[in-house]
Amino acid sequence: MSIRPRSTSPTILLRISDGTSHMHRSFNDFHQSVRSAEAYAEAGFMVAMISATGRFLMHFEPRRHRAAV
């Protein structure tokens, strides 16, 4: 009897958009996906976090740095 390794399929999908086009990034680690989503939002992108089953988890609004005056 052989033991099959667990699937390496992603558990979290990020849908990253600049308002005109979008791309996807996938992660197996939830905390890493949150850090990545926050970084994309900080860079000005809209980010939706979706589970591997297609369930919406979180939304990150774009944030822009304000220039120091």
PDB file of N, CA and C in Angstrom:
ATOM      1  N   MET A   1       0.836  -1.171   0.000  1.00  0.00           N
ATOM      2  CA  MET A   1       0.000   0.000   0.000  1.00  0.00           C
ATOM      3  C   MET A   1       0.886   1.240   0.000  1.00  0.00           C
ATOM      4  N   SER A   2       0.648   2.121  -0.944  1.00  0.00           N
ATOM      5  CA  SER A   2       1.455   3.343  -1.005  1.00  0.00           C
ATOM      6  C   SER A   2       0.684   4.525  -0.429  1.00  0.00           C
ATOM      7  N   ILE A   3       1.434   5.435   0.122  1.00  0.00           N
ATOM      8  CA  ILE A   3       0.833   6.646   0.671  1.00  0.00           C
ATOM      9  C   ILE A   3       1.046   7.770  -0.333  1.00  0.00           C
ATOM     10  N   ARG A   4      -0.042   8.421  -0.721  1.00  0.00           N
ATOM     11  CA  ARG A   4       0.056   9.504  -1.689  1.00  0.00           C
ATOM     12  C   ARG A   4       0.322  10.820  -0.970  1.00  0.00           C
ATOM     13  N   PRO A   5       1.235  11.602  -1.504  1.00  0.00           N
ATOM     14  CA  PRO A   5       1.482  12.907  -0.883  1.00  0.00           C
ATOM     15  C   PRO A   5       0.270  13.822  -1.054  1.00  0.00           C
ATOM     16  N   ARG A   6       0.141  14.778  -0.157  1.00  0.00           N
ATOM     17  CA  ARG A   6      -0.952  15.735  -0.253  1.00  0.00           C
ATOM     18  C   ARG A   6      -0.815  16.565  -1.519  1.00  0.00           C
ATOM     19  N   SER A   7      -1.912  17.042  -1.999  1.00  0.00           N
ATOM     20  CA  SER A   7      -1.933  17.895  -3.179  1.00  0.00           C
ATOM     21  C   SER A   7      -1.215  19.199  -2.887  1.00  0.00           C
ATOM     22  N   THR A   8      -0.526  19.727  -3.882  1.00  0.00           N
ATOM     23  CA  THR A   8       0.152  21.004  -3.719  1.00  0.00           C
ATOM     24  C   THR A   8      -0.653  22.125  -4.354  1.00  0.00           C
ATOM     25  N   SER A   9      -1.948  21.901  -4.538  1.00  0.00           N
ATOM     26  CA  SER A   9      -2.789  22.920  -5.145  1.00  0.00           C
ATOM     27  C   SER A   9      -2.887  24.133  -4.220  1.00  0.00           C
ATOM     28  N   PRO A  10      -3.028  25.304  -4.795  1.00  0.00           N
ATOM     29  CA  PRO A  10      -3.084  26.520  -3.977  1.00  0.00           C
ATOM     30  C   PRO A  10      -4.356  26.563  -3.138  1.00  0.00           C
ATOM     31  N   THR A  11      -4.231  27.169  -1.972  1.00  0.00           N
ATOM     32  CA  THR A  11      -5.398  27.314  -1.117  1.00  0.00           C
ATOM     33  C   THR A  11      -5.979  28.721  -1.206  1.00  0.00           C
ATOM     34  N   ILE A  12      -5.173  29.696  -1.624  1.00  0.00           N
ATOM     35  CA  ILE A  12      -5.608  31.089  -1.706  1.00  0.00           C
ATOM     36  C   ILE A  12      -5.236  31.649  -3.069  1.00  0.00           C
ATOM     37  N   LEU A  13      -6.163  32.361  -3.667  1.00  0.00           N
ATOM     38  CA  LEU A  13      -5.918  33.024  -4.944  1.00  0.00           C
ATOM     39  C   LEU A  13      -6.115  34.522  -4.752  1.00  0.00           C
ATOM     40  N   LEU A  14      -5.158  35.324  -5.222  1.00  0.00           N
ATOM     41  CA  LEU A  14      -5.304  36.773  -5.210  1.00  0.00           C
ATOM     42  C   LEU A  14      -5.642  37.226  -6.618  1.00  0.00           C
ATOM     43  N   ARG A  15      -6.682  38.033  -6.739  1.00  0.00           N
ATOM     44  CA  ARG A  15      -7.033  38.661  -8.017  1.00  0.00           C
ATOM     45  C   ARG A  15      -6.624  40.115  -7.877  1.00  0.00           C
ATOM     46  N   ILE A  16      -5.598  40.522  -8.616  1.00  0.00           N
ATOM     47  CA  ILE A  16      -4.978  41.834  -8.486  1.00  0.00           C
ATOM     48  C   ILE A  16      -5.335  42.657  -9.715  1.00  0.00           C
ATOM     49  N   SER A  17      -5.868  43.873  -9.498  1.00  0.00           N
ATOM     50  CA  SER A  17      -6.346  44.673 -10.616  1.00  0.00           C
ATOM     51  C   SER A  17      -5.904  46.124 -10.484  1.00  0.00           C
ATOM     52  N   ASP A  18      -5.603  46.736 -11.633  1.00  0.00           N
ATOM     53  CA  ASP A  18      -5.308  48.173 -11.654  1.00  0.00           C
ATOM     54  C   ASP A  18      -6.487  48.964 -12.217  1.00  0.00           C
ATOM     55  N   GLY A  19      -7.606  48.299 -12.443  1.00  0.00           N
ATOM     56  CA  GLY A  19      -8.797  48.929 -12.972  1.00  0.00           C
ATOM     57  C   GLY A  19      -8.990  48.700 -14.458  1.00  0.00           C
ATOM     58  N   THR A  20      -7.939  48.337 -15.168  1.00  0.00           N
ATOM     59  CA  THR A  20      -8.051  48.067 -16.603  1.00  0.00           C
ATOM     60  C   THR A  20      -7.761  46.603 -16.934  1.00  0.00           C
ATOM     61  N   SER A  21      -6.904  45.974 -16.161  1.00  0.00           N
ATOM     62  CA  SER A  21      -6.594  44.566 -16.372  1.00  0.00           C
ATOM     63  C   SER A  21      -6.331  43.926 -15.013  1.00  0.00           C
ATOM     64  N   HIS A  22      -6.273  42.597 -14.988  1.00  0.00           N
ATOM     65  CA  HIS A  22      -6.006  41.921 -13.732  1.00  0.00           C
ATOM     66  C   HIS A  22      -5.095  40.731 -13.937  1.00  0.00           C
ATOM     67  N   MET A  23      -4.512  40.288 -12.822  1.00  0.00           N
ATOM     68  CA  MET A  23      -3.669  39.093 -12.831  1.00  0.00           C
ATOM     69  C   MET A  23      -3.973  38.315 -11.561  1.00  0.00           C
ATOM     70  N   HIS A  24      -3.515  37.083 -11.528  1.00  0.00           N
ATOM     71  CA  HIS A  24      -3.740  36.215 -10.379  1.00  0.00           C
ATOM     72  C   HIS A  24      -2.408  35.760  -9.801  1.00  0.00           C
ATOM     73  N   ARG A  25      -2.383  35.603  -8.480  1.00  0.00           N
ATOM     74  CA  ARG A  25      -1.260  34.977  -7.792  1.00  0.00           C
ATOM     75  C   ARG A  25      -1.853  33.947  -6.859  1.00  0.00           C
ATOM     76  N   SER A  26      -1.229  32.818  -6.712  1.00  0.00           N
ATOM     77  CA  SER A  26      -1.752  31.779  -5.831  1.00  0.00           C
ATOM     78  C   SER A  26      -0.745  31.476  -4.717  1.00  0.00           C
ATOM     79  N   PHE A  27      -1.277  31.086  -3.563  1.00  0.00           N
ATOM     80  CA  PHE A  27      -0.463  30.817  -2.381  1.00  0.00           C
ATOM     81  C   PHE A  27      -0.983  29.590  -1.661  1.00  0.00           C
ATOM     82  N   ASN A  28      -0.079  28.879  -1.033  1.00  0.00           N
ATOM     83  CA  ASN A  28      -0.449  27.758  -0.170  1.00  0.00           C
ATOM     84  C   ASN A  28      -0.498  28.193   1.289  1.00  0.00           C
ATOM     85  N   ASP A  29       0.083  29.338   1.601  1.00  0.00           N
ATOM     86  CA  ASP A  29       0.148  29.846   2.964  1.00  0.00           C
ATOM     87  C   ASP A  29      -0.749  31.075   3.110  1.00  0.00           C
ATOM     88  N   PHE A  30      -1.720  31.015   4.027  1.00  0.00           N
ATOM     89  CA  PHE A  30      -2.677  32.099   4.194  1.00  0.00           C
ATOM     90  C   PHE A  30      -1.991  33.400   4.606  1.00  0.00           C
ATOM     91  N   HIS A  31      -1.090  33.345   5.576  1.00  0.00           N
ATOM     92  CA  HIS A  31      -0.447  34.561   6.070  1.00  0.00           C
ATOM     93  C   HIS A  31       0.416  35.215   4.994  1.00  0.00           C
ATOM     94  N   GLN A  32       1.085  34.424   4.196  1.00  0.00           N
ATOM     95  CA  GLN A  32       1.871  34.978   3.093  1.00  0.00           C
ATOM     96  C   GLN A  32       0.958  35.644   2.068  1.00  0.00           C
ATOM     97  N   SER A  33      -0.208  35.069   1.825  1.00  0.00           N
ATOM     98  CA  SER A  33      -1.142  35.667   0.866  1.00  0.00           C
ATOM     99  C   SER A  33      -1.666  37.009   1.380  1.00  0.00           C
ATOM    100  N   VAL A  34      -1.911  37.120   2.690  1.00  0.00           N
ATOM    101  CA  VAL A  34      -2.357  38.387   3.269  1.00  0.00           C
ATOM    102  C   VAL A  34      -1.261  39.443   3.145  1.00  0.00           C
ATOM    103  N   ARG A  35      -0.022  39.078   3.457  1.00  0.00           N
ATOM    104  CA  ARG A  35       1.097  40.035   3.335  1.00  0.00           C
ATOM    105  C   ARG A  35       1.258  40.498   1.895  1.00  0.00           C
ATOM    106  N   SER A  36       1.124  39.580   0.961  1.00  0.00           N
ATOM    107  CA  SER A  36       1.243  39.935  -0.447  1.00  0.00           C
ATOM    108  C   SER A  36       0.096  40.840  -0.881  1.00  0.00           C
ATOM    109  N   ALA A  37      -1.127  40.532  -0.462  1.00  0.00           N
ATOM    110  CA  ALA A  37      -2.288  41.363  -0.806  1.00  0.00           C
ATOM    111  C   ALA A  37      -2.119  42.770  -0.253  1.00  0.00           C
ATOM    112  N   GLU A  38      -1.636  42.887   0.974  1.00  0.00           N
ATOM    113  CA  GLU A  38      -1.405  44.205   1.567  1.00  0.00           C
ATOM    114  C   GLU A  38      -0.343  44.985   0.788  1.00  0.00           C
ATOM    115  N   ALA A  39       0.690  44.299   0.346  1.00  0.00           N
ATOM    116  CA  ALA A  39       1.745  44.960  -0.428  1.00  0.00           C
ATOM    117  C   ALA A  39       1.217  45.452  -1.768  1.00  0.00           C
ATOM    118  N   TYR A  40       0.413  44.645  -2.446  1.00  0.00           N
ATOM    119  CA  TYR A  40      -0.182  45.088  -3.715  1.00  0.00           C
ATOM    120  C   TYR A  40      -1.121  46.270  -3.492  1.00  0.00           C
ATOM    121  N   ALA A  41      -1.917  46.235  -2.421  1.00  0.00           N
ATOM    122  CA  ALA A  41      -2.821  47.345  -2.123  1.00  0.00           C
ATOM    123  C   ALA A  41      -2.019  48.608  -1.822  1.00  0.00           C
ATOM    124  N   GLU A  42      -0.942  48.468  -1.099  1.00  0.00           N
ATOM    125  CA  GLU A  42      -0.074  49.605  -0.787  1.00  0.00           C
ATOM    126  C   GLU A  42       0.512  50.219  -2.055  1.00  0.00           C
ATOM    127  N   ALA A  43       0.717  49.394  -3.068  1.00  0.00           N
ATOM    128  CA  ALA A  43       1.260  49.872  -4.351  1.00  0.00           C
ATOM    129  C   ALA A  43       0.170  50.458  -5.253  1.00  0.00           C
ATOM    130  N   GLY A  44      -1.091  50.421  -4.788  1.00  0.00           N
ATOM    131  CA  GLY A  44      -2.165  51.053  -5.542  1.00  0.00           C
ATOM    132  C   GLY A  44      -3.074  50.112  -6.307  1.00  0.00           C
ATOM    133  N   PHE A  45      -2.989  48.818  -6.051  1.00  0.00           N
ATOM    134  CA  PHE A  45      -3.822  47.844  -6.746  1.00  0.00           C
ATOM    135  C   PHE A  45      -5.027  47.448  -5.893  1.00  0.00           C
ATOM    136  N   MET A  46      -6.125  47.073  -6.547  1.00  0.00           N
ATOM    137  CA  MET A  46      -7.275  46.478  -5.870  1.00  0.00           C
ATOM    138  C   MET A  46      -7.019  44.980  -5.808  1.00  0.00           C
ATOM    139  N   VAL A  47      -7.277  44.375  -4.660  1.00  0.00           N
ATOM    140  CA  VAL A  47      -6.983  42.950  -4.489  1.00  0.00           C
ATOM    141  C   VAL A  47      -8.185  42.247  -3.870  1.00  0.00           C
ATOM    142  N   ALA A  48      -8.584  41.146  -4.469  1.00  0.00           N
ATOM    143  CA  ALA A  48      -9.608  40.274  -3.897  1.00  0.00           C
ATOM    144  C   ALA A  48      -8.940  38.957  -3.536  1.00  0.00           C
ATOM    145  N   MET A  49      -9.187  38.484  -2.333  1.00  0.00           N
ATOM    146  CA  MET A  49      -8.646  37.207  -1.881  1.00  0.00           C
ATOM    147  C   MET A  49      -9.761  36.177  -1.979  1.00  0.00           C
ATOM    148  N   ILE A  50      -9.474  35.057  -2.665  1.00  0.00           N
ATOM    149  CA  ILE A  50     -10.471  34.039  -2.958  1.00  0.00           C
ATOM    150  C   ILE A  50      -9.910  32.674  -2.556  1.00  0.00           C
ATOM    151  N   SER A  51     -10.757  31.827  -1.967  1.00  0.00           N
ATOM    152  CA  SER A  51     -10.308  30.481  -1.606  1.00  0.00           C
ATOM    153  C   SER A  51     -10.207  29.613  -2.859  1.00  0.00           C
ATOM    154  N   ALA A  52      -9.570  28.463  -2.713  1.00  0.00           N
ATOM    155  CA  ALA A  52      -9.418  27.546  -3.839  1.00  0.00           C
ATOM    156  C   ALA A  52     -10.766  27.030  -4.339  1.00  0.00           C
ATOM    157  N   THR A  53     -11.790  27.093  -3.497  1.00  0.00           N
ATOM    158  CA  THR A  53     -13.121  26.642  -3.908  1.00  0.00           C
ATOM    159  C   THR A  53     -13.923  27.768  -4.556  1.00  0.00           C
ATOM    160  N   GLY A  54     -13.338  28.968  -4.626  1.00  0.00           N
ATOM    161  CA  GLY A  54     -14.012  30.086  -5.276  1.00  0.00           C
ATOM    162  C   GLY A  54     -14.757  31.007  -4.345  1.00  0.00           C
ATOM    163  N   ARG A  55     -14.653  30.799  -3.060  1.00  0.00           N
ATOM    164  CA  ARG A  55     -15.355  31.632  -2.083  1.00  0.00           C
ATOM    165  C   ARG A  55     -14.560  32.908  -1.813  1.00  0.00           C
ATOM    166  N   PHE A  56     -15.244  34.069  -1.898  1.00  0.00           N
ATOM    167  CA  PHE A  56     -14.625  35.349  -1.602  1.00  0.00           C
ATOM    168  C   PHE A  56     -14.253  35.399  -0.125  1.00  0.00           C
ATOM    169  N   LEU A  57     -13.014  35.837   0.172  1.00  0.00           N
ATOM    170  CA  LEU A  57     -12.554  35.902   1.559  1.00  0.00           C
ATOM    171  C   LEU A  57     -12.375  37.336   2.050  1.00  0.00           C
ATOM    172  N   MET A  58     -11.628  38.147   1.296  1.00  0.00           N
ATOM    173  CA  MET A  58     -11.341  39.517   1.709  1.00  0.00           C
ATOM    174  C   MET A  58     -11.115  40.401   0.496  1.00  0.00           C
ATOM    175  N   HIS A  59     -11.242  41.703   0.738  1.00  0.00           N
ATOM    176  CA  HIS A  59     -10.988  42.693  -0.302  1.00  0.00           C
ATOM    177  C   HIS A  59     -10.030  43.727   0.270  1.00  0.00           C
ATOM    178  N   PHE A  60      -9.042  44.114  -0.516  1.00  0.00           N
ATOM    179  CA  PHE A  60      -8.076  45.124  -0.098  1.00  0.00           C
ATOM    180  C   PHE A  60      -8.176  46.308  -1.051  1.00  0.00           C
ATOM    181  N   GLU A  61      -8.446  47.483  -0.497  1.00  0.00           N
ATOM    182  CA  GLU A  61      -8.554  48.701  -1.297  1.00  0.00           C
ATOM    183  C   GLU A  61      -7.161  49.240  -1.605  1.00  0.00           C
ATOM    184  N   PRO A  62      -7.001  49.864  -2.784  1.00  0.00           N
ATOM    185  CA  PRO A  62      -5.699  50.448  -3.104  1.00  0.00           C
ATOM    186  C   PRO A  62      -5.381  51.620  -2.164  1.00  0.00           C
ATOM    187  N   ARG A  63      -4.132  51.689  -1.759  1.00  0.00           N
ATOM    188  CA  ARG A  63      -3.662  52.790  -0.922  1.00  0.00           C
ATOM    189  C   ARG A  63      -2.466  53.421  -1.612  1.00  0.00           C
ATOM    190  N   ARG A  64      -2.464  54.700  -1.716  1.00  0.00           N
ATOM    191  CA  ARG A  64      -1.347  55.429  -2.335  1.00  0.00           C
ATOM    192  C   ARG A  64      -0.619  56.198  -1.248  1.00  0.00           C
ATOM    193  N   HIS A  65       0.701  56.206  -1.361  1.00  0.00           N
ATOM    194  CA  HIS A  65       1.500  57.016  -0.430  1.00  0.00           C
ATOM    195  C   HIS A  65       1.298  58.491  -0.743  1.00  0.00           C
ATOM    196  N   ARG A  66       1.152  59.276   0.275  1.00  0.00           N
ATOM    197  CA  ARG A  66       1.052  60.711   0.067  1.00  0.00           C
ATOM    198  C   ARG A  66       2.447  61.306   0.189  1.00  0.00           C
ATOM    199  N   ALA A  67       2.745  62.192  -0.730  1.00  0.00           N
ATOM    200  CA  ALA A  67       4.068  62.831  -0.705  1.00  0.00           C
ATOM    201  C   ALA A  67       4.165  63.785   0.482  1.00  0.00           C
ATOM    202  N   ALA A  68       5.287  63.774   1.136  1.00  0.00           N
ATOM    203  CA  ALA A  68       5.511  64.682   2.272  1.00  0.00           C
ATOM    204  C   ALA A  68       5.637  66.108   1.753  1.00  0.00           C
ATOM    205  N   VAL A  69       4.988  67.020   2.462  1.00  0.00           N
ATOM    206  CA  VAL A  69       5.005  68.426   2.032  1.00  0.00           C
ATOM    207  C   VAL A  69       5.924  69.204   2.926  1.00  0.00           C
TER     208      VAL A  69
END
